[in-house]
Amino acid sequence: MVKRVRLIVLAAFVAVTCASAGRATTLPSLTVHVKVTLTANRVMLSRRSAARGSLVEFAVRNRTARRRTFSVGGKTIAVPARKLRLTAVDFQARGKYALVSRAGRSAAARSSFRVS
């Protein structure tokens, strides 16, 4: 009987320990702030890379006289002329991510962001 209780307590302890460890690995460990400036022909970044697992907050400033879109990591936001908008992306996979900015049907301005 005592052996059975010890086994149940041990199993409960292992289950709780594993459950808390699983949640801890999915949370971003670091928030990185990146200033992005959009011009008619360029996408300029204050920082070009971050570590895997980082939550990257992009502060996107449109310096043009037209509304532009900004896309990164599957997220797209609209940035009005001469305004600032924020977006955040949680990068869980290493690689090179494309940054694309468009104004209507005009040619796209491109850059990249690396996650290591």
N, C-alpha and C. Protein backbone atom coordinates (compact mmCIF):
# COMPACT_ATOMS: atom_id res chain seq x y z
N MET A 1 0.82 -1.18 0.00
CA MET A 1 0.00 0.00 0.00
C MET A 1 0.87 1.26 0.00
N VAL A 2 1.90 1.32 0.85
CA VAL A 2 2.79 2.47 0.94
C VAL A 2 3.55 2.62 -0.38
N LYS A 3 3.94 1.50 -0.96
CA LYS A 3 4.66 1.52 -2.22
C LYS A 3 3.79 2.12 -3.33
N ARG A 4 2.53 1.78 -3.32
CA ARG A 4 1.58 2.29 -4.31
C ARG A 4 1.40 3.80 -4.17
N VAL A 5 1.31 4.31 -2.95
CA VAL A 5 1.16 5.74 -2.69
C VAL A 5 2.41 6.49 -3.16
N ARG A 6 3.58 5.93 -2.87
CA ARG A 6 4.82 6.56 -3.31
C ARG A 6 4.88 6.63 -4.83
N LEU A 7 4.46 5.59 -5.50
CA LEU A 7 4.46 5.55 -6.95
C LEU A 7 3.50 6.61 -7.52
N ILE A 8 2.34 6.77 -6.92
CA ILE A 8 1.36 7.78 -7.37
C ILE A 8 1.91 9.19 -7.15
N VAL A 9 2.53 9.43 -6.00
CA VAL A 9 3.11 10.74 -5.72
C VAL A 9 4.25 11.04 -6.70
N LEU A 10 5.10 10.05 -6.97
CA LEU A 10 6.19 10.23 -7.91
C LEU A 10 5.66 10.52 -9.31
N ALA A 11 4.65 9.80 -9.74
CA ALA A 11 4.06 10.03 -11.07
C ALA A 11 3.45 11.43 -11.16
N ALA A 12 2.80 11.89 -10.11
CA ALA A 12 2.21 13.24 -10.10
C ALA A 12 3.31 14.30 -10.16
N PHE A 13 4.39 14.08 -9.44
CA PHE A 13 5.50 15.04 -9.44
C PHE A 13 6.13 15.13 -10.83
N VAL A 14 6.34 14.00 -11.48
CA VAL A 14 6.93 13.99 -12.83
C VAL A 14 5.99 14.68 -13.82
N ALA A 15 4.69 14.44 -13.70
CA ALA A 15 3.73 15.06 -14.61
C ALA A 15 3.71 16.58 -14.46
N VAL A 16 3.74 17.07 -13.23
CA VAL A 16 3.74 18.51 -12.99
C VAL A 16 5.03 19.14 -13.49
N THR A 17 6.15 18.49 -13.25
CA THR A 17 7.44 19.00 -13.69
C THR A 17 7.52 19.08 -15.20
N CYS A 18 7.08 18.05 -15.89
CA CYS A 18 7.12 18.03 -17.35
C CYS A 18 6.15 19.06 -17.94
N ALA A 19 4.99 19.22 -17.35
CA ALA A 19 4.01 20.17 -17.86
C ALA A 19 4.52 21.60 -17.75
N SER A 20 5.16 21.96 -16.66
CA SER A 20 5.66 23.31 -16.50
C SER A 20 6.85 23.56 -17.42
N ALA A 21 7.67 22.55 -17.67
CA ALA A 21 8.81 22.71 -18.58
C ALA A 21 8.34 22.90 -20.01
N GLY A 22 7.26 22.24 -20.40
CA GLY A 22 6.72 22.39 -21.75
C GLY A 22 6.22 23.79 -22.01
N ARG A 23 5.57 24.40 -21.06
CA ARG A 23 5.07 25.77 -21.23
C ARG A 23 6.22 26.76 -21.28
N ALA A 24 7.26 26.53 -20.51
CA ALA A 24 8.37 27.47 -20.44
C ALA A 24 9.12 27.56 -21.77
N THR A 25 9.17 26.49 -22.53
CA THR A 25 9.91 26.53 -23.79
C THR A 25 9.14 27.23 -24.89
N THR A 26 7.84 27.41 -24.76
CA THR A 26 7.07 28.06 -25.83
C THR A 26 6.97 29.56 -25.64
N LEU A 27 7.33 30.08 -24.49
CA LEU A 27 7.27 31.52 -24.27
C LEU A 27 8.51 32.19 -24.85
N PRO A 28 8.35 33.38 -25.44
CA PRO A 28 9.54 34.08 -25.94
C PRO A 28 10.46 34.45 -24.79
N SER A 29 11.74 34.23 -24.98
CA SER A 29 12.69 34.49 -23.90
C SER A 29 13.23 35.91 -23.96
N LEU A 30 13.06 36.58 -25.09
CA LEU A 30 13.68 37.88 -25.26
C LEU A 30 12.82 38.71 -26.20
N THR A 31 12.64 39.98 -25.86
CA THR A 31 11.95 40.89 -26.76
C THR A 31 12.98 41.80 -27.40
N VAL A 32 12.97 41.84 -28.71
CA VAL A 32 13.91 42.64 -29.48
C VAL A 32 13.12 43.74 -30.18
N HIS A 33 13.58 44.99 -30.06
CA HIS A 33 12.92 46.13 -30.69
C HIS A 33 13.69 46.52 -31.94
N VAL A 34 12.98 46.60 -33.06
CA VAL A 34 13.60 46.95 -34.33
C VAL A 34 12.84 48.14 -34.91
N LYS A 35 13.58 49.21 -35.24
CA LYS A 35 12.99 50.36 -35.90
C LYS A 35 13.10 50.14 -37.40
N VAL A 36 11.96 50.28 -38.10
CA VAL A 36 11.91 50.09 -39.54
C VAL A 36 11.49 51.41 -40.17
N THR A 37 12.23 51.85 -41.18
CA THR A 37 11.88 53.05 -41.92
C THR A 37 11.57 52.67 -43.35
N LEU A 38 10.37 53.04 -43.81
CA LEU A 38 9.95 52.76 -45.17
C LEU A 38 10.11 54.01 -46.01
N THR A 39 10.83 53.90 -47.12
CA THR A 39 10.91 54.97 -48.11
C THR A 39 10.34 54.41 -49.40
N ALA A 40 10.33 55.22 -50.44
CA ALA A 40 9.76 54.77 -51.72
C ALA A 40 10.54 53.58 -52.30
N ASN A 41 11.84 53.52 -52.03
CA ASN A 41 12.67 52.49 -52.66
C ASN A 41 13.35 51.53 -51.70
N ARG A 42 13.27 51.78 -50.39
CA ARG A 42 14.04 50.99 -49.43
C ARG A 42 13.25 50.65 -48.18
N VAL A 43 13.69 49.57 -47.53
CA VAL A 43 13.24 49.21 -46.19
C VAL A 43 14.50 49.21 -45.33
N MET A 44 14.62 50.16 -44.41
CA MET A 44 15.82 50.27 -43.58
C MET A 44 15.52 49.79 -42.17
N LEU A 45 16.45 49.02 -41.60
CA LEU A 45 16.28 48.42 -40.28
C LEU A 45 17.35 48.92 -39.32
N SER A 46 16.98 49.10 -38.05
CA SER A 46 17.98 49.45 -37.04
C SER A 46 18.76 48.22 -36.60
N ARG A 47 18.18 47.06 -36.80
CA ARG A 47 18.82 45.80 -36.42
C ARG A 47 18.39 44.75 -37.44
N ARG A 48 19.31 43.91 -37.90
CA ARG A 48 19.01 42.99 -38.98
C ARG A 48 18.89 41.52 -38.55
N SER A 49 19.03 41.24 -37.24
CA SER A 49 18.95 39.84 -36.81
C SER A 49 18.49 39.73 -35.37
N ALA A 50 18.07 38.51 -35.01
CA ALA A 50 17.66 38.20 -33.64
C ALA A 50 17.87 36.72 -33.40
N ALA A 51 17.84 36.33 -32.14
CA ALA A 51 18.01 34.92 -31.78
C ALA A 51 16.68 34.19 -31.93
N ARG A 52 16.76 32.89 -32.22
CA ARG A 52 15.56 32.06 -32.32
C ARG A 52 14.81 32.10 -30.99
N GLY A 53 13.49 32.17 -31.05
CA GLY A 53 12.66 32.23 -29.86
C GLY A 53 12.38 33.65 -29.40
N SER A 54 12.93 34.63 -30.10
CA SER A 54 12.73 36.03 -29.72
C SER A 54 11.38 36.54 -30.22
N LEU A 55 10.80 37.41 -29.43
CA LEU A 55 9.63 38.17 -29.87
C LEU A 55 10.19 39.48 -30.40
N VAL A 56 10.01 39.72 -31.69
CA VAL A 56 10.57 40.92 -32.32
C VAL A 56 9.45 41.92 -32.53
N GLU A 57 9.61 43.10 -31.94
CA GLU A 57 8.64 44.17 -32.10
C GLU A 57 9.18 45.14 -33.15
N PHE A 58 8.44 45.27 -34.26
CA PHE A 58 8.82 46.16 -35.33
C PHE A 58 8.06 47.46 -35.19
N ALA A 59 8.77 48.58 -35.06
CA ALA A 59 8.18 49.92 -35.07
C ALA A 59 8.38 50.44 -36.48
N VAL A 60 7.32 50.42 -37.27
CA VAL A 60 7.41 50.71 -38.70
C VAL A 60 6.98 52.16 -38.96
N ARG A 61 7.90 52.97 -39.47
CA ARG A 61 7.61 54.37 -39.78
C ARG A 61 7.63 54.55 -41.29
N ASN A 62 6.54 55.10 -41.82
CA ASN A 62 6.40 55.37 -43.24
C ASN A 62 6.83 56.81 -43.51
N ARG A 63 7.89 57.01 -44.27
CA ARG A 63 8.41 58.36 -44.57
C ARG A 63 7.87 58.90 -45.90
N THR A 64 6.99 58.17 -46.56
CA THR A 64 6.47 58.60 -47.85
C THR A 64 5.15 59.34 -47.70
N ALA A 65 4.65 59.87 -48.82
CA ALA A 65 3.38 60.59 -48.84
C ALA A 65 2.20 59.68 -49.16
N ARG A 66 2.44 58.37 -49.33
CA ARG A 66 1.38 57.41 -49.65
C ARG A 66 1.33 56.30 -48.60
N ARG A 67 0.17 55.71 -48.46
CA ARG A 67 0.01 54.56 -47.57
C ARG A 67 0.81 53.39 -48.13
N ARG A 68 1.50 52.66 -47.23
CA ARG A 68 2.29 51.49 -47.63
C ARG A 68 1.90 50.30 -46.78
N THR A 69 2.11 49.11 -47.30
CA THR A 69 1.95 47.90 -46.51
C THR A 69 3.33 47.40 -46.14
N PHE A 70 3.41 46.68 -45.02
CA PHE A 70 4.67 46.10 -44.55
C PHE A 70 4.38 44.66 -44.17
N SER A 71 5.15 43.73 -44.72
CA SER A 71 4.96 42.30 -44.46
C SER A 71 6.23 41.67 -43.93
N VAL A 72 6.07 40.83 -42.89
CA VAL A 72 7.18 40.05 -42.35
C VAL A 72 6.61 38.84 -41.63
N GLY A 73 7.20 37.69 -41.83
CA GLY A 73 6.81 36.48 -41.10
C GLY A 73 5.34 36.12 -41.23
N GLY A 74 4.72 36.41 -42.38
CA GLY A 74 3.32 36.07 -42.57
C GLY A 74 2.34 37.11 -42.05
N LYS A 75 2.83 38.20 -41.47
CA LYS A 75 1.97 39.27 -40.98
C LYS A 75 2.10 40.48 -41.89
N THR A 76 0.99 41.11 -42.20
CA THR A 76 0.97 42.32 -43.03
C THR A 76 0.20 43.40 -42.31
N ILE A 77 0.78 44.60 -42.28
CA ILE A 77 0.09 45.74 -41.68
C ILE A 77 0.09 46.89 -42.68
N ALA A 78 -0.90 47.78 -42.57
CA ALA A 78 -0.96 48.99 -43.38
C ALA A 78 -0.41 50.14 -42.55
N VAL A 79 0.46 50.94 -43.16
CA VAL A 79 1.07 52.07 -42.47
C VAL A 79 0.69 53.34 -43.24
N PRO A 80 -0.12 54.20 -42.65
CA PRO A 80 -0.52 55.43 -43.33
C PRO A 80 0.69 56.33 -43.60
N ALA A 81 0.51 57.27 -44.52
CA ALA A 81 1.59 58.19 -44.88
C ALA A 81 2.08 58.96 -43.66
N ARG A 82 3.39 58.99 -43.50
CA ARG A 82 4.07 59.73 -42.43
C ARG A 82 3.60 59.35 -41.02
N LYS A 83 3.26 58.08 -40.83
CA LYS A 83 2.80 57.59 -39.52
C LYS A 83 3.65 56.41 -39.08
N LEU A 84 3.46 56.01 -37.82
CA LEU A 84 4.15 54.89 -37.21
C LEU A 84 3.13 53.84 -36.79
N ARG A 85 3.44 52.58 -37.06
CA ARG A 85 2.61 51.46 -36.61
C ARG A 85 3.52 50.40 -36.01
N LEU A 86 2.98 49.64 -35.05
CA LEU A 86 3.74 48.56 -34.39
C LEU A 86 3.18 47.21 -34.78
N THR A 87 4.06 46.25 -34.92
CA THR A 87 3.67 44.86 -35.10
C THR A 87 4.74 43.99 -34.45
N ALA A 88 4.34 42.82 -33.98
CA ALA A 88 5.28 41.92 -33.33
C ALA A 88 5.18 40.53 -33.95
N VAL A 89 6.32 39.89 -34.09
CA VAL A 89 6.39 38.53 -34.64
C VAL A 89 7.24 37.68 -33.71
N ASP A 90 6.73 36.49 -33.40
CA ASP A 90 7.45 35.53 -32.55
C ASP A 90 8.19 34.56 -33.48
N PHE A 91 9.50 34.70 -33.59
CA PHE A 91 10.30 33.88 -34.49
C PHE A 91 10.76 32.62 -33.76
N GLN A 92 10.17 31.48 -34.11
CA GLN A 92 10.52 30.21 -33.48
C GLN A 92 11.44 29.35 -34.36
N ALA A 93 11.60 29.73 -35.62
CA ALA A 93 12.44 28.94 -36.53
C ALA A 93 13.59 29.79 -37.06
N ARG A 94 14.76 29.17 -37.15
CA ARG A 94 15.92 29.87 -37.71
C ARG A 94 15.71 30.06 -39.21
N GLY A 95 16.35 31.09 -39.74
CA GLY A 95 16.28 31.30 -41.18
C GLY A 95 16.31 32.77 -41.54
N LYS A 96 16.11 33.01 -42.83
CA LYS A 96 16.11 34.37 -43.37
C LYS A 96 14.67 34.69 -43.76
N TYR A 97 14.13 35.78 -43.22
CA TYR A 97 12.75 36.18 -43.46
C TYR A 97 12.72 37.43 -44.34
N ALA A 98 11.86 37.42 -45.35
CA ALA A 98 11.74 38.55 -46.25
C ALA A 98 10.90 39.65 -45.62
N LEU A 99 11.33 40.89 -45.81
CA LEU A 99 10.57 42.07 -45.43
C LEU A 99 10.16 42.74 -46.73
N VAL A 100 8.86 42.99 -46.90
CA VAL A 100 8.37 43.56 -48.14
C VAL A 100 7.47 44.74 -47.83
N SER A 101 7.67 45.84 -48.56
CA SER A 101 6.84 47.02 -48.43
C SER A 101 6.31 47.39 -49.81
N ARG A 102 5.00 47.66 -49.89
CA ARG A 102 4.38 48.03 -51.17
C ARG A 102 3.50 49.26 -50.98
N ALA A 103 3.38 50.03 -52.06
CA ALA A 103 2.45 51.15 -52.10
C ALA A 103 1.57 50.94 -53.32
N GLY A 104 0.37 50.44 -53.12
CA GLY A 104 -0.53 50.16 -54.24
C GLY A 104 0.05 49.10 -55.15
N ARG A 105 0.09 49.41 -56.44
CA ARG A 105 0.61 48.45 -57.42
C ARG A 105 2.05 48.74 -57.82
N SER A 106 2.69 49.63 -57.11
CA SER A 106 4.08 49.98 -57.45
C SER A 106 5.02 48.83 -57.08
N ALA A 107 6.25 48.94 -57.53
CA ALA A 107 7.25 47.92 -57.24
C ALA A 107 7.49 47.84 -55.73
N ALA A 108 7.82 46.65 -55.28
CA ALA A 108 8.03 46.42 -53.84
C ALA A 108 9.43 46.78 -53.42
N ALA A 109 9.56 47.36 -52.23
CA ALA A 109 10.85 47.57 -51.60
C ALA A 109 11.09 46.37 -50.69
N ARG A 110 12.28 45.79 -50.75
CA ARG A 110 12.56 44.55 -50.03
C ARG A 110 13.81 44.65 -49.17
N SER A 111 13.80 43.83 -48.12
CA SER A 111 14.96 43.65 -47.27
C SER A 111 14.81 42.28 -46.63
N SER A 112 15.70 41.94 -45.70
CA SER A 112 15.59 40.64 -45.03
C SER A 112 15.96 40.78 -43.56
N PHE A 113 15.48 39.81 -42.78
CA PHE A 113 15.75 39.74 -41.34
C PHE A 113 16.18 38.33 -41.02
N ARG A 114 17.31 38.16 -40.35
CA ARG A 114 17.86 36.82 -40.08
C ARG A 114 17.60 36.41 -38.63
N VAL A 115 17.17 35.16 -38.46
CA VAL A 115 16.97 34.57 -37.14
C VAL A 115 17.96 33.44 -36.99
N SER A 116 18.80 33.52 -35.95
CA SER A 116 19.84 32.50 -35.76
C SER A 116 19.66 31.75 -34.46
